[in-house]
ModelCIF file with pLDDT and N, C-alpha, C, O atoms, coordinates in Angstrom:
data_MODEL
#
_entry.id   MODEL 
#
_entity.id                         1 
_entity.type                       polymer 
_entity.pdbx_number_of_molecules   1 
#
_entity_poly.entity_id                      1 
_entity_poly.type                           'polypeptide(L)' 
_entity_poly.nstd_linkage                   no 
_entity_poly.nstd_monomer                   no 
_entity_poly.pdbx_seq_one_letter_code       EVNPISIQSLRNVIEAFNATSYFRAIHECDASKFQLPESQPFDIVVIE 
_entity_poly.pdbx_seq_one_letter_code_can   EVNPISIQSLRNVIEAFNATSYFRAIHECDASKFQLPESQPFDIVVIE 
_entity_poly.pdbx_strand_id                 A 
#
loop_
_entity_poly_seq.entity_id 
_entity_poly_seq.num 
_entity_poly_seq.mon_id 
_entity_poly_seq.hetero 
1 1  GLU n 
1 2  VAL n 
1 3  ASN n 
1 4  PRO n 
1 5  ILE n 
1 6  SER n 
1 7  ILE n 
1 8  GLN n 
1 9  SER n 
1 10 LEU n 
1 11 ARG n 
1 12 ASN n 
1 13 VAL n 
1 14 ILE n 
1 15 GLU n 
1 16 ALA n 
1 17 PHE n 
1 18 ASN n 
1 19 ALA n 
1 20 THR n 
1 21 SER n 
1 22 TYR n 
1 23 PHE n 
1 24 ARG n 
1 25 ALA n 
1 26 ILE n 
1 27 HIS n 
1 28 GLU n 
1 29 CYS n 
1 30 ASP n 
1 31 ALA n 
1 32 SER n 
1 33 LYS n 
1 34 PHE n 
1 35 GLN n 
1 36 LEU n 
1 37 PRO n 
1 38 GLU n 
1 39 SER n 
1 40 GLN n 
1 41 PRO n 
1 42 PHE n 
1 43 ASP n 
1 44 ILE n 
1 45 VAL n 
1 46 VAL n 
1 47 ILE n 
1 48 GLU n 
#
_struct_asym.id          A 
_struct_asym.entity_id   1 
#
loop_
_ma_qa_metric.id 
_ma_qa_metric.mode 
_ma_qa_metric.name 
_ma_qa_metric.software_group_id 
_ma_qa_metric.type 
1 global pLDDT . pLDDT 
2 local  pLDDT . pLDDT 
#
_ma_qa_metric_global.metric_id      1 
_ma_qa_metric_global.metric_value   93.33 
_ma_qa_metric_global.model_id       1 
_ma_qa_metric_global.ordinal_id     1 
#
loop_
_ma_qa_metric_local.label_asym_id 
_ma_qa_metric_local.label_comp_id 
_ma_qa_metric_local.label_seq_id 
_ma_qa_metric_local.metric_id 
_ma_qa_metric_local.metric_value 
_ma_qa_metric_local.model_id 
_ma_qa_metric_local.ordinal_id 
A GLU 1  2 94.00 1 1  
A VAL 2  2 92.00 1 2  
A ASN 3  2 91.00 1 3  
A PRO 4  2 93.00 1 4  
A ILE 5  2 91.00 1 5  
A SER 6  2 92.00 1 6  
A ILE 7  2 95.00 1 7  
A GLN 8  2 95.00 1 8  
A SER 9  2 94.00 1 9  
A LEU 10 2 96.00 1 10 
A ARG 11 2 97.00 1 11 
A ASN 12 2 96.00 1 12 
A VAL 13 2 96.00 1 13 
A ILE 14 2 97.00 1 14 
A GLU 15 2 95.00 1 15 
A ALA 16 2 95.00 1 16 
A PHE 17 2 96.00 1 17 
A ASN 18 2 95.00 1 18 
A ALA 19 2 97.00 1 19 
A THR 20 2 97.00 1 20 
A SER 21 2 98.00 1 21 
A TYR 22 2 98.00 1 22 
A PHE 23 2 97.00 1 23 
A ARG 24 2 96.00 1 24 
A ALA 25 2 96.00 1 25 
A ILE 26 2 97.00 1 26 
A HIS 27 2 96.00 1 27 
A GLU 28 2 95.00 1 28 
A CYS 29 2 93.00 1 29 
A ASP 30 2 92.00 1 30 
A ALA 31 2 92.00 1 31 
A SER 32 2 91.00 1 32 
A LYS 33 2 94.00 1 33 
A PHE 34 2 94.00 1 34 
A GLN 35 2 95.00 1 35 
A LEU 36 2 94.00 1 36 
A PRO 37 2 86.00 1 37 
A GLU 38 2 81.00 1 38 
A SER 39 2 74.00 1 39 
A GLN 40 2 78.00 1 40 
A PRO 41 2 87.00 1 41 
A PHE 42 2 96.00 1 42 
A ASP 43 2 97.00 1 43 
A ILE 44 2 97.00 1 44 
A VAL 45 2 97.00 1 45 
A VAL 46 2 96.00 1 46 
A ILE 47 2 93.00 1 47 
A GLU 48 2 86.00 1 48 
#
loop_
_atom_site.group_PDB 
_atom_site.id 
_atom_site.type_symbol 
_atom_site.label_atom_id 
_atom_site.label_alt_id 
_atom_site.label_comp_id 
_atom_site.label_asym_id 
_atom_site.label_entity_id 
_atom_site.label_seq_id 
_atom_site.pdbx_PDB_ins_code 
_atom_site.Cartn_x 
_atom_site.Cartn_y 
_atom_site.Cartn_z 
_atom_site.occupancy 
_atom_site.B_iso_or_equiv 
_atom_site.pdbx_formal_charge 
_atom_site.auth_seq_id 
_atom_site.auth_comp_id 
_atom_site.auth_asym_id 
_atom_site.auth_atom_id 
_atom_site.pdbx_PDB_model_num 
ATOM 1   N N  . GLU A 1 1  ? -44.831 -3.469  115.611 1.00 94.00 ? 1  GLU A N  1 
ATOM 2   C CA . GLU A 1 1  ? -44.218 -4.916  115.709 1.00 94.00 ? 1  GLU A CA 1 
ATOM 3   C C  . GLU A 1 1  ? -42.864 -4.722  115.071 1.00 94.00 ? 1  GLU A C  1 
ATOM 4   O O  . GLU A 1 1  ? -42.793 -3.921  114.139 1.00 94.00 ? 1  GLU A O  1 
ATOM 5   N N  . VAL A 1 2  ? -41.797 -5.356  115.459 1.00 92.00 ? 2  VAL A N  1 
ATOM 6   C CA . VAL A 1 2  ? -40.368 -5.293  115.075 1.00 92.00 ? 2  VAL A CA 1 
ATOM 7   C C  . VAL A 1 2  ? -40.035 -6.097  113.898 1.00 92.00 ? 2  VAL A C  1 
ATOM 8   O O  . VAL A 1 2  ? -39.296 -5.760  112.972 1.00 92.00 ? 2  VAL A O  1 
ATOM 9   N N  . ASN A 1 3  ? -40.685 -7.230  114.047 1.00 91.00 ? 3  ASN A N  1 
ATOM 10  C CA . ASN A 1 3  ? -40.356 -8.066  112.990 1.00 91.00 ? 3  ASN A CA 1 
ATOM 11  C C  . ASN A 1 3  ? -40.982 -8.228  111.732 1.00 91.00 ? 3  ASN A C  1 
ATOM 12  O O  . ASN A 1 3  ? -42.123 -8.686  111.691 1.00 91.00 ? 3  ASN A O  1 
ATOM 13  N N  . PRO A 1 4  ? -40.243 -7.840  110.472 1.00 93.00 ? 4  PRO A N  1 
ATOM 14  C CA . PRO A 1 4  ? -40.949 -7.794  109.304 1.00 93.00 ? 4  PRO A CA 1 
ATOM 15  C C  . PRO A 1 4  ? -41.672 -8.796  108.571 1.00 93.00 ? 4  PRO A C  1 
ATOM 16  O O  . PRO A 1 4  ? -42.476 -8.635  107.653 1.00 93.00 ? 4  PRO A O  1 
ATOM 17  N N  . ILE A 1 5  ? -41.196 -10.034 109.206 1.00 91.00 ? 5  ILE A N  1 
ATOM 18  C CA . ILE A 1 5  ? -41.874 -11.180 108.454 1.00 91.00 ? 5  ILE A CA 1 
ATOM 19  C C  . ILE A 1 5  ? -43.265 -11.340 109.385 1.00 91.00 ? 5  ILE A C  1 
ATOM 20  O O  . ILE A 1 5  ? -44.300 -11.647 108.793 1.00 91.00 ? 5  ILE A O  1 
ATOM 21  N N  . SER A 1 6  ? -43.292 -11.157 110.676 1.00 92.00 ? 6  SER A N  1 
ATOM 22  C CA . SER A 1 6  ? -44.581 -10.989 111.499 1.00 92.00 ? 6  SER A CA 1 
ATOM 23  C C  . SER A 1 6  ? -45.468 -10.232 110.809 1.00 92.00 ? 6  SER A C  1 
ATOM 24  O O  . SER A 1 6  ? -46.577 -10.693 110.541 1.00 92.00 ? 6  SER A O  1 
ATOM 25  N N  . ILE A 1 7  ? -45.065 -8.847  110.393 1.00 95.00 ? 7  ILE A N  1 
ATOM 26  C CA . ILE A 1 7  ? -45.805 -7.889  109.682 1.00 95.00 ? 7  ILE A CA 1 
ATOM 27  C C  . ILE A 1 7  ? -46.555 -8.336  108.496 1.00 95.00 ? 7  ILE A C  1 
ATOM 28  O O  . ILE A 1 7  ? -47.753 -8.091  108.357 1.00 95.00 ? 7  ILE A O  1 
ATOM 29  N N  . GLN A 1 8  ? -45.799 -9.038  107.579 1.00 95.00 ? 8  GLN A N  1 
ATOM 30  C CA . GLN A 1 8  ? -46.311 -9.573  106.559 1.00 95.00 ? 8  GLN A CA 1 
ATOM 31  C C  . GLN A 1 8  ? -47.185 -10.614 106.615 1.00 95.00 ? 8  GLN A C  1 
ATOM 32  O O  . GLN A 1 8  ? -48.079 -10.732 105.778 1.00 95.00 ? 8  GLN A O  1 
ATOM 33  N N  . SER A 1 9  ? -46.997 -11.520 107.668 1.00 94.00 ? 9  SER A N  1 
ATOM 34  C CA . SER A 1 9  ? -47.951 -12.376 108.044 1.00 94.00 ? 9  SER A CA 1 
ATOM 35  C C  . SER A 1 9  ? -49.227 -11.917 108.486 1.00 94.00 ? 9  SER A C  1 
ATOM 36  O O  . SER A 1 9  ? -50.281 -12.380 108.049 1.00 94.00 ? 9  SER A O  1 
ATOM 37  N N  . LEU A 1 10 ? -49.140 -10.873 109.479 1.00 96.00 ? 10 LEU A N  1 
ATOM 38  C CA . LEU A 1 10 ? -50.339 -10.266 110.042 1.00 96.00 ? 10 LEU A CA 1 
ATOM 39  C C  . LEU A 1 10 ? -51.379 -9.586  108.835 1.00 96.00 ? 10 LEU A C  1 
ATOM 40  O O  . LEU A 1 10 ? -52.608 -9.628  108.792 1.00 96.00 ? 10 LEU A O  1 
ATOM 41  N N  . ARG A 1 11 ? -50.349 -8.908  107.816 1.00 97.00 ? 11 ARG A N  1 
ATOM 42  C CA . ARG A 1 11 ? -51.245 -8.383  106.865 1.00 97.00 ? 11 ARG A CA 1 
ATOM 43  C C  . ARG A 1 11 ? -52.043 -9.384  105.887 1.00 97.00 ? 11 ARG A C  1 
ATOM 44  O O  . ARG A 1 11 ? -52.999 -9.045  105.188 1.00 97.00 ? 11 ARG A O  1 
ATOM 45  N N  . ASN A 1 12 ? -51.497 -10.653 105.955 1.00 96.00 ? 12 ASN A N  1 
ATOM 46  C CA . ASN A 1 12 ? -52.132 -11.713 105.359 1.00 96.00 ? 12 ASN A CA 1 
ATOM 47  C C  . ASN A 1 12 ? -53.392 -12.313 105.947 1.00 96.00 ? 12 ASN A C  1 
ATOM 48  O O  . ASN A 1 12 ? -54.291 -12.867 105.314 1.00 96.00 ? 12 ASN A O  1 
ATOM 49  N N  . VAL A 1 13 ? -53.314 -12.104 107.353 1.00 96.00 ? 13 VAL A N  1 
ATOM 50  C CA . VAL A 1 13 ? -54.220 -12.719 108.212 1.00 96.00 ? 13 VAL A CA 1 
ATOM 51  C C  . VAL A 1 13 ? -55.486 -11.269 108.153 1.00 96.00 ? 13 VAL A C  1 
ATOM 52  O O  . VAL A 1 13 ? -56.701 -11.464 108.118 1.00 96.00 ? 13 VAL A O  1 
ATOM 53  N N  . ILE A 1 14 ? -54.974 -10.179 108.154 1.00 97.00 ? 14 ILE A N  1 
ATOM 54  C CA . ILE A 1 14 ? -56.032 -9.225  108.104 1.00 97.00 ? 14 ILE A CA 1 
ATOM 55  C C  . ILE A 1 14 ? -56.765 -9.346  106.706 1.00 97.00 ? 14 ILE A C  1 
ATOM 56  O O  . ILE A 1 14 ? -57.985 -9.187  106.675 1.00 97.00 ? 14 ILE A O  1 
ATOM 57  N N  . GLU A 1 15 ? -56.099 -9.606  105.617 1.00 95.00 ? 15 GLU A N  1 
ATOM 58  C CA . GLU A 1 15 ? -56.711 -9.846  104.397 1.00 95.00 ? 15 GLU A CA 1 
ATOM 59  C C  . GLU A 1 15 ? -57.676 -10.842 104.436 1.00 95.00 ? 15 GLU A C  1 
ATOM 60  O O  . GLU A 1 15 ? -58.779 -10.604 103.943 1.00 95.00 ? 15 GLU A O  1 
ATOM 61  N N  . ALA A 1 16 ? -57.397 -12.108 105.031 1.00 95.00 ? 16 ALA A N  1 
ATOM 62  C CA . ALA A 1 16 ? -58.176 -13.323 104.917 1.00 95.00 ? 16 ALA A CA 1 
ATOM 63  C C  . ALA A 1 16 ? -59.431 -13.129 105.586 1.00 95.00 ? 16 ALA A C  1 
ATOM 64  O O  . ALA A 1 16 ? -60.447 -13.659 105.138 1.00 95.00 ? 16 ALA A O  1 
ATOM 65  N N  . PHE A 1 17 ? -59.452 -12.389 106.658 1.00 96.00 ? 17 PHE A N  1 
ATOM 66  C CA . PHE A 1 17 ? -60.552 -12.016 107.409 1.00 96.00 ? 17 PHE A CA 1 
ATOM 67  C C  . PHE A 1 17 ? -61.254 -10.798 107.019 1.00 96.00 ? 17 PHE A C  1 
ATOM 68  O O  . PHE A 1 17 ? -62.230 -10.465 107.693 1.00 96.00 ? 17 PHE A O  1 
ATOM 69  N N  . ASN A 1 18 ? -60.849 -9.999  105.903 1.00 95.00 ? 18 ASN A N  1 
ATOM 70  C CA . ASN A 1 18 ? -61.423 -8.855  105.508 1.00 95.00 ? 18 ASN A CA 1 
ATOM 71  C C  . ASN A 1 18 ? -61.618 -7.894  106.259 1.00 95.00 ? 18 ASN A C  1 
ATOM 72  O O  . ASN A 1 18 ? -62.584 -7.134  106.188 1.00 95.00 ? 18 ASN A O  1 
ATOM 73  N N  . ALA A 1 19 ? -60.486 -7.824  107.254 1.00 97.00 ? 19 ALA A N  1 
ATOM 74  C CA . ALA A 1 19 ? -60.458 -6.746  108.495 1.00 97.00 ? 19 ALA A CA 1 
ATOM 75  C C  . ALA A 1 19 ? -59.778 -5.623  108.195 1.00 97.00 ? 19 ALA A C  1 
ATOM 76  O O  . ALA A 1 19 ? -59.513 -4.897  109.153 1.00 97.00 ? 19 ALA A O  1 
ATOM 77  N N  . THR A 1 20 ? -59.335 -5.198  106.855 1.00 97.00 ? 20 THR A N  1 
ATOM 78  C CA . THR A 1 20 ? -58.493 -3.908  106.781 1.00 97.00 ? 20 THR A CA 1 
ATOM 79  C C  . THR A 1 20 ? -59.039 -2.858  107.559 1.00 97.00 ? 20 THR A C  1 
ATOM 80  O O  . THR A 1 20 ? -58.427 -2.068  108.277 1.00 97.00 ? 20 THR A O  1 
ATOM 81  N N  . SER A 1 21 ? -60.349 -2.941  107.323 1.00 98.00 ? 21 SER A N  1 
ATOM 82  C CA . SER A 1 21 ? -61.091 -1.360  107.958 1.00 98.00 ? 21 SER A CA 1 
ATOM 83  C C  . SER A 1 21 ? -60.622 -1.191  109.485 1.00 98.00 ? 21 SER A C  1 
ATOM 84  O O  . SER A 1 21 ? -60.393 -0.082  109.967 1.00 98.00 ? 21 SER A O  1 
ATOM 85  N N  . TYR A 1 22 ? -60.486 -2.535  110.287 1.00 98.00 ? 22 TYR A N  1 
ATOM 86  C CA . TYR A 1 22 ? -60.287 -2.293  111.721 1.00 98.00 ? 22 TYR A CA 1 
ATOM 87  C C  . TYR A 1 22 ? -58.876 -1.877  111.908 1.00 98.00 ? 22 TYR A C  1 
ATOM 88  O O  . TYR A 1 22 ? -58.662 -1.524  113.068 1.00 98.00 ? 22 TYR A O  1 
ATOM 89  N N  . PHE A 1 23 ? -57.943 -1.817  111.194 1.00 97.00 ? 23 PHE A N  1 
ATOM 90  C CA . PHE A 1 23 ? -56.382 -1.363  111.453 1.00 97.00 ? 23 PHE A CA 1 
ATOM 91  C C  . PHE A 1 23 ? -56.128 -0.006  110.694 1.00 97.00 ? 23 PHE A C  1 
ATOM 92  O O  . PHE A 1 23 ? -56.144 0.186   109.478 1.00 97.00 ? 23 PHE A O  1 
ATOM 93  N N  . ARG A 1 24 ? -55.886 0.894   111.723 1.00 96.00 ? 24 ARG A N  1 
ATOM 94  C CA . ARG A 1 24 ? -55.699 2.209   111.423 1.00 96.00 ? 24 ARG A CA 1 
ATOM 95  C C  . ARG A 1 24 ? -53.995 2.346   110.789 1.00 96.00 ? 24 ARG A C  1 
ATOM 96  O O  . ARG A 1 24 ? -53.605 2.889   109.756 1.00 96.00 ? 24 ARG A O  1 
ATOM 97  N N  . ALA A 1 25 ? -53.316 1.717   111.725 1.00 96.00 ? 25 ALA A N  1 
ATOM 98  C CA . ALA A 1 25 ? -51.948 1.691   111.273 1.00 96.00 ? 25 ALA A CA 1 
ATOM 99  C C  . ALA A 1 25 ? -51.077 0.454   111.854 1.00 96.00 ? 25 ALA A C  1 
ATOM 100 O O  . ALA A 1 25 ? -51.269 -0.035  112.967 1.00 96.00 ? 25 ALA A O  1 
ATOM 101 N N  . ILE A 1 26 ? -50.190 0.065   111.029 1.00 97.00 ? 26 ILE A N  1 
ATOM 102 C CA . ILE A 1 26 ? -49.133 -1.004  111.677 1.00 97.00 ? 26 ILE A CA 1 
ATOM 103 C C  . ILE A 1 26 ? -47.842 -0.454  111.241 1.00 97.00 ? 26 ILE A C  1 
ATOM 104 O O  . ILE A 1 26 ? -47.463 -0.281  110.083 1.00 97.00 ? 26 ILE A O  1 
ATOM 105 N N  . HIS A 1 27 ? -47.186 -0.190  112.404 1.00 96.00 ? 27 HIS A N  1 
ATOM 106 C CA . HIS A 1 27 ? -45.731 0.314   112.373 1.00 96.00 ? 27 HIS A CA 1 
ATOM 107 C C  . HIS A 1 27 ? -44.783 -0.819  112.625 1.00 96.00 ? 27 HIS A C  1 
ATOM 108 O O  . HIS A 1 27 ? -44.912 -1.598  113.569 1.00 96.00 ? 27 HIS A O  1 
ATOM 109 N N  . GLU A 1 28 ? -43.702 -0.879  111.620 1.00 95.00 ? 28 GLU A N  1 
ATOM 110 C CA . GLU A 1 28 ? -42.625 -1.550  111.816 1.00 95.00 ? 28 GLU A CA 1 
ATOM 111 C C  . GLU A 1 28 ? -41.482 -0.962  112.612 1.00 95.00 ? 28 GLU A C  1 
ATOM 112 O O  . GLU A 1 28 ? -40.675 -0.264  112.000 1.00 95.00 ? 28 GLU A O  1 
ATOM 113 N N  . CYS A 1 29 ? -41.324 -1.165  113.904 1.00 93.00 ? 29 CYS A N  1 
ATOM 114 C CA . CYS A 1 29 ? -40.740 -0.421  114.774 1.00 93.00 ? 29 CYS A CA 1 
ATOM 115 C C  . CYS A 1 29 ? -40.089 -0.976  116.169 1.00 93.00 ? 29 CYS A C  1 
ATOM 116 O O  . CYS A 1 29 ? -40.593 -1.995  116.641 1.00 93.00 ? 29 CYS A O  1 
ATOM 117 N N  . ASP A 1 30 ? -39.195 -0.471  116.728 1.00 92.00 ? 30 ASP A N  1 
ATOM 118 C CA . ASP A 1 30 ? -38.830 -1.028  118.039 1.00 92.00 ? 30 ASP A CA 1 
ATOM 119 C C  . ASP A 1 30 ? -39.761 -0.278  119.010 1.00 92.00 ? 30 ASP A C  1 
ATOM 120 O O  . ASP A 1 30 ? -39.578 0.925   119.195 1.00 92.00 ? 30 ASP A O  1 
ATOM 121 N N  . ALA A 1 31 ? -40.762 -0.945  119.644 1.00 92.00 ? 31 ALA A N  1 
ATOM 122 C CA . ALA A 1 31 ? -41.874 -0.035  120.411 1.00 92.00 ? 31 ALA A CA 1 
ATOM 123 C C  . ALA A 1 31 ? -41.103 0.632   121.685 1.00 92.00 ? 31 ALA A C  1 
ATOM 124 O O  . ALA A 1 31 ? -41.677 1.573   122.233 1.00 92.00 ? 31 ALA A O  1 
ATOM 125 N N  . SER A 1 32 ? -39.925 0.234   122.156 1.00 91.00 ? 32 SER A N  1 
ATOM 126 C CA . SER A 1 32 ? -39.342 0.929   123.090 1.00 91.00 ? 32 SER A CA 1 
ATOM 127 C C  . SER A 1 32 ? -38.637 2.281   122.785 1.00 91.00 ? 32 SER A C  1 
ATOM 128 O O  . SER A 1 32 ? -38.077 2.928   123.669 1.00 91.00 ? 32 SER A O  1 
ATOM 129 N N  . LYS A 1 33 ? -38.686 2.606   121.706 1.00 94.00 ? 33 LYS A N  1 
ATOM 130 C CA . LYS A 1 33 ? -38.270 3.769   121.139 1.00 94.00 ? 33 LYS A CA 1 
ATOM 131 C C  . LYS A 1 33 ? -39.136 4.588   120.546 1.00 94.00 ? 33 LYS A C  1 
ATOM 132 O O  . LYS A 1 33 ? -38.964 5.807   120.528 1.00 94.00 ? 33 LYS A O  1 
ATOM 133 N N  . PHE A 1 34 ? -40.242 3.940   119.957 1.00 94.00 ? 34 PHE A N  1 
ATOM 134 C CA . PHE A 1 34 ? -41.272 4.535   119.187 1.00 94.00 ? 34 PHE A CA 1 
ATOM 135 C C  . PHE A 1 34 ? -41.983 5.894   119.658 1.00 94.00 ? 34 PHE A C  1 
ATOM 136 O O  . PHE A 1 34 ? -42.541 6.003   120.750 1.00 94.00 ? 34 PHE A O  1 
ATOM 137 N N  . GLN A 1 35 ? -41.910 6.757   118.850 1.00 95.00 ? 35 GLN A N  1 
ATOM 138 C CA . GLN A 1 35 ? -42.772 8.258   119.225 1.00 95.00 ? 35 GLN A CA 1 
ATOM 139 C C  . GLN A 1 35 ? -44.227 8.069   118.793 1.00 95.00 ? 35 GLN A C  1 
ATOM 140 O O  . GLN A 1 35 ? -44.368 7.964   117.575 1.00 95.00 ? 35 GLN A O  1 
ATOM 141 N N  . LEU A 1 36 ? -45.111 8.018   119.383 1.00 94.00 ? 36 LEU A N  1 
ATOM 142 C CA . LEU A 1 36 ? -46.258 7.958   119.034 1.00 94.00 ? 36 LEU A CA 1 
ATOM 143 C C  . LEU A 1 36 ? -46.940 9.316   118.252 1.00 94.00 ? 36 LEU A C  1 
ATOM 144 O O  . LEU A 1 36 ? -46.700 10.409  118.765 1.00 94.00 ? 36 LEU A O  1 
ATOM 145 N N  . PRO A 1 37 ? -47.736 9.272   117.093 1.00 86.00 ? 37 PRO A N  1 
ATOM 146 C CA . PRO A 1 37 ? -48.083 10.458  116.579 1.00 86.00 ? 37 PRO A CA 1 
ATOM 147 C C  . PRO A 1 37 ? -49.062 11.165  117.666 1.00 86.00 ? 37 PRO A C  1 
ATOM 148 O O  . PRO A 1 37 ? -49.949 10.613  118.317 1.00 86.00 ? 37 PRO A O  1 
ATOM 149 N N  . GLU A 1 38 ? -48.689 12.468  117.692 1.00 81.00 ? 38 GLU A N  1 
ATOM 150 C CA . GLU A 1 38 ? -49.322 13.135  118.536 1.00 81.00 ? 38 GLU A CA 1 
ATOM 151 C C  . GLU A 1 38 ? -50.802 13.548  118.420 1.00 81.00 ? 38 GLU A C  1 
ATOM 152 O O  . GLU A 1 38 ? -51.543 13.908  119.334 1.00 81.00 ? 38 GLU A O  1 
ATOM 153 N N  . SER A 1 39 ? -51.092 13.417  117.053 1.00 74.00 ? 39 SER A N  1 
ATOM 154 C CA . SER A 1 39 ? -52.733 13.512  116.671 1.00 74.00 ? 39 SER A CA 1 
ATOM 155 C C  . SER A 1 39 ? -53.463 12.277  116.909 1.00 74.00 ? 39 SER A C  1 
ATOM 156 O O  . SER A 1 39 ? -54.564 12.239  116.360 1.00 74.00 ? 39 SER A O  1 
ATOM 157 N N  . GLN A 1 40 ? -53.142 11.302  117.560 1.00 78.00 ? 40 GLN A N  1 
ATOM 158 C CA . GLN A 1 40 ? -53.748 10.012  117.665 1.00 78.00 ? 40 GLN A CA 1 
ATOM 159 C C  . GLN A 1 40 ? -53.920 9.652   119.226 1.00 78.00 ? 40 GLN A C  1 
ATOM 160 O O  . GLN A 1 40 ? -53.060 8.940   119.743 1.00 78.00 ? 40 GLN A O  1 
ATOM 161 N N  . PRO A 1 41 ? -54.823 10.044  119.864 1.00 87.00 ? 41 PRO A N  1 
ATOM 162 C CA . PRO A 1 41 ? -54.920 9.556   121.353 1.00 87.00 ? 41 PRO A CA 1 
ATOM 163 C C  . PRO A 1 41 ? -55.356 8.113   121.251 1.00 87.00 ? 41 PRO A C  1 
ATOM 164 O O  . PRO A 1 41 ? -55.986 7.653   120.299 1.00 87.00 ? 41 PRO A O  1 
ATOM 165 N N  . PHE A 1 42 ? -54.907 7.340   122.475 1.00 96.00 ? 42 PHE A N  1 
ATOM 166 C CA . PHE A 1 42 ? -55.210 6.105   122.622 1.00 96.00 ? 42 PHE A CA 1 
ATOM 167 C C  . PHE A 1 42 ? -56.048 5.784   123.927 1.00 96.00 ? 42 PHE A C  1 
ATOM 168 O O  . PHE A 1 42 ? -55.724 6.257   125.016 1.00 96.00 ? 42 PHE A O  1 
ATOM 169 N N  . ASP A 1 43 ? -57.143 4.954   123.758 1.00 97.00 ? 43 ASP A N  1 
ATOM 170 C CA . ASP A 1 43 ? -58.047 4.615   125.018 1.00 97.00 ? 43 ASP A CA 1 
ATOM 171 C C  . ASP A 1 43 ? -57.460 3.343   125.672 1.00 97.00 ? 43 ASP A C  1 
ATOM 172 O O  . ASP A 1 43 ? -57.643 3.304   126.889 1.00 97.00 ? 43 ASP A O  1 
ATOM 173 N N  . ILE A 1 44 ? -56.813 2.317   125.151 1.00 97.00 ? 44 ILE A N  1 
ATOM 174 C CA . ILE A 1 44 ? -56.284 1.147   125.420 1.00 97.00 ? 44 ILE A CA 1 
ATOM 175 C C  . ILE A 1 44 ? -55.135 0.873   124.795 1.00 97.00 ? 44 ILE A C  1 
ATOM 176 O O  . ILE A 1 44 ? -55.024 0.882   123.569 1.00 97.00 ? 44 ILE A O  1 
ATOM 177 N N  . VAL A 1 45 ? -54.013 0.556   125.766 1.00 97.00 ? 45 VAL A N  1 
ATOM 178 C CA . VAL A 1 45 ? -52.667 -0.112  125.248 1.00 97.00 ? 45 VAL A CA 1 
ATOM 179 C C  . VAL A 1 45 ? -52.514 -1.408  125.830 1.00 97.00 ? 45 VAL A C  1 
ATOM 180 O O  . VAL A 1 45 ? -52.661 -1.711  127.014 1.00 97.00 ? 45 VAL A O  1 
ATOM 181 N N  . VAL A 1 46 ? -52.153 -2.250  124.720 1.00 96.00 ? 46 VAL A N  1 
ATOM 182 C CA . VAL A 1 46 ? -52.012 -3.604  124.941 1.00 96.00 ? 46 VAL A CA 1 
ATOM 183 C C  . VAL A 1 46 ? -50.306 -3.816  124.778 1.00 96.00 ? 46 VAL A C  1 
ATOM 184 O O  . VAL A 1 46 ? -49.710 -3.601  123.723 1.00 96.00 ? 46 VAL A O  1 
ATOM 185 N N  . ILE A 1 47 ? -49.697 -4.254  125.964 1.00 93.00 ? 47 ILE A N  1 
ATOM 186 C CA . ILE A 1 47 ? -48.035 -4.496  125.755 1.00 93.00 ? 47 ILE A CA 1 
ATOM 187 C C  . ILE A 1 47 ? -47.861 -6.144  126.200 1.00 93.00 ? 47 ILE A C  1 
ATOM 188 O O  . ILE A 1 47 ? -47.835 -6.575  127.353 1.00 93.00 ? 47 ILE A O  1 
ATOM 189 N N  . GLU A 1 48 ? -47.772 -6.781  125.169 1.00 86.00 ? 48 GLU A N  1 
ATOM 190 C CA . GLU A 1 48 ? -47.648 -8.320  125.539 1.00 86.00 ? 48 GLU A CA 1 
ATOM 191 C C  . GLU A 1 48 ? -46.330 -8.710  124.958 1.00 86.00 ? 48 GLU A C  1 
ATOM 192 O O  . GLU A 1 48 ? -45.923 -9.866  125.071 1.00 86.00 ? 48 GLU A O  1 
#
């Protein structure tokens, strides 16, 4: 997610639902340039 305010909002939502254990990482970045960690394979990508 590129918007820092969105990220803080999302962290609040995650905490409110006690869902921290579901989220491996949250990156503040421009996804059109972001380099994914090579050690982390993904099965599904949602681009919305």
